[in-house]
């Protein structure tokens, strides 16, 4: 397995994403995206190594507000907003997070 070094990408949106790439450059890419509050280290090294041994190029990243990626300096939404699915106007969306990937 190639050494996994953290790298950073500055996106046009101003977000700075932390990511790692393991495996051969010519392998098919397998993108691993962590869940709520998880960072790129949430994926076990055993799992990543297994995917690399099967020929995949494994890419994993920290989402916004997770791990070593950019922190958004807005307060999180109140519990009632989350329960009623009423996001704040200044909140980022799941679509924006998907485009980060």
Protein backbone atom coordinates (compact mmCIF):
# COMPACT_ATOMS: atom_id res chain seq x y z
CA UNK A 1 0.00 0.00 0.00
CA UNK A 2 1.31 3.44 -0.87
CA UNK A 3 1.85 5.81 2.02
CA UNK A 4 -1.26 7.81 2.73
CA UNK A 5 -0.33 11.43 3.24
CA UNK A 6 -2.88 14.08 3.98
CA UNK A 7 -3.28 16.60 1.19
CA UNK A 8 -5.36 19.76 0.94
CA UNK A 9 -7.43 21.19 -1.88
CA UNK A 10 -8.73 24.77 -1.90
CA UNK A 11 -12.09 24.82 -3.67
CA UNK A 12 -13.58 27.74 -5.61
CA UNK A 13 -16.15 28.11 -2.81
CA UNK A 14 -13.37 28.98 -0.36
CA UNK A 15 -13.63 25.64 1.45
CA UNK A 16 -10.32 23.88 2.16
CA UNK A 17 -10.69 20.09 1.99
CA UNK A 18 -8.33 17.59 3.62
CA UNK A 19 -8.01 14.25 1.80
CA UNK A 20 -5.89 11.12 1.38
CA UNK A 21 -5.28 8.93 -1.64
CA UNK A 22 -4.07 5.32 -1.35
CA UNK A 23 -3.28 2.84 -4.11
CA UNK A 24 -2.03 2.91 -7.66
CA UNK A 25 -2.68 5.99 -9.76
CA UNK A 26 -4.14 3.88 -12.58
CA UNK A 27 -6.65 1.96 -10.41
CA UNK A 28 -10.38 2.63 -10.54
CA UNK A 29 -11.27 5.27 -7.94
CA UNK A 30 -13.26 4.33 -4.85
CA UNK A 31 -14.47 7.46 -3.02
CA UNK A 32 -15.18 6.97 0.70
CA UNK A 33 -17.33 9.66 2.31
CA UNK A 34 -17.77 9.64 6.09
CA UNK A 35 -21.05 10.23 7.84
CA UNK A 36 -22.06 13.00 10.20
CA UNK A 37 -19.10 14.14 12.28
CA UNK A 38 -16.72 11.46 10.97
CA UNK A 39 -13.36 12.28 9.46
CA UNK A 40 -11.21 10.45 6.94
CA UNK A 41 -9.61 8.37 9.69
CA UNK A 42 -13.00 6.79 10.46
CA UNK A 43 -12.32 4.24 7.71
CA UNK A 44 -10.26 1.38 9.12
CA UNK A 45 -6.80 0.90 7.69
CA UNK A 46 -7.67 -2.77 7.25
CA UNK A 47 -10.62 -1.90 4.99
CA UNK A 48 -8.60 0.64 3.00
CA UNK A 49 -5.71 -1.83 2.61
CA UNK A 50 -8.11 -4.52 1.39
CA UNK A 51 -9.56 -2.20 -1.26
CA UNK A 52 -6.06 -1.18 -2.37
CA UNK A 53 -5.03 -4.85 -2.60
CA UNK A 54 -7.99 -5.39 -4.95
CA UNK A 55 -6.60 -2.72 -7.27
CA UNK A 56 -8.65 0.32 -6.22
CA UNK A 57 -7.31 3.81 -5.79
CA UNK A 58 -8.98 4.83 -2.52
CA UNK A 59 -9.82 8.49 -1.96
CA UNK A 60 -11.24 9.66 1.38
CA UNK A 61 -11.80 13.16 2.65
CA UNK A 62 -12.97 15.20 5.59
CA UNK A 63 -16.29 16.94 4.95
CA UNK A 64 -16.75 20.59 5.84
CA UNK A 65 -16.71 21.03 9.61
CA UNK A 66 -15.02 17.65 10.13
CA UNK A 67 -11.42 16.58 10.66
CA UNK A 68 -8.90 18.96 9.15
CA UNK A 69 -11.15 20.54 6.51
CA UNK A 70 -12.49 24.09 6.80
CA UNK A 71 -14.63 25.01 9.76
CA UNK A 72 -17.64 27.11 8.92
CA UNK A 73 -17.88 29.97 11.37
CA UNK A 74 -21.64 29.96 11.74
CA UNK A 75 -23.54 28.62 14.69
CA UNK A 76 -25.11 25.21 14.09
CA UNK A 77 -28.88 25.21 13.57
CA UNK A 78 -31.08 24.95 16.65
CA UNK A 79 -32.59 21.56 17.47
CA UNK A 80 -36.08 22.72 16.46
CA UNK A 81 -34.80 23.70 13.00
CA UNK A 82 -33.26 20.28 12.59
CA UNK A 83 -36.38 18.48 13.78
CA UNK A 84 -38.64 20.48 11.46
CA UNK A 85 -36.16 20.37 8.56
CA UNK A 86 -36.04 24.17 8.38
CA UNK A 87 -32.47 25.11 7.54
CA UNK A 88 -31.15 28.58 8.12
CA UNK A 89 -30.66 30.77 5.06
CA UNK A 90 -26.90 30.92 5.60
CA UNK A 91 -26.47 27.15 5.98
CA UNK A 92 -24.66 25.06 3.40
CA UNK A 93 -26.60 22.28 1.73
CA UNK A 94 -26.07 18.58 1.15
CA UNK A 95 -25.82 19.38 -2.57
CA UNK A 96 -22.90 21.74 -1.86
CA UNK A 97 -21.21 19.04 0.20
CA UNK A 98 -21.66 16.55 -2.65
CA UNK A 99 -20.02 19.03 -5.04
CA UNK A 100 -17.10 19.35 -2.59
CA UNK A 101 -16.40 15.67 -3.20
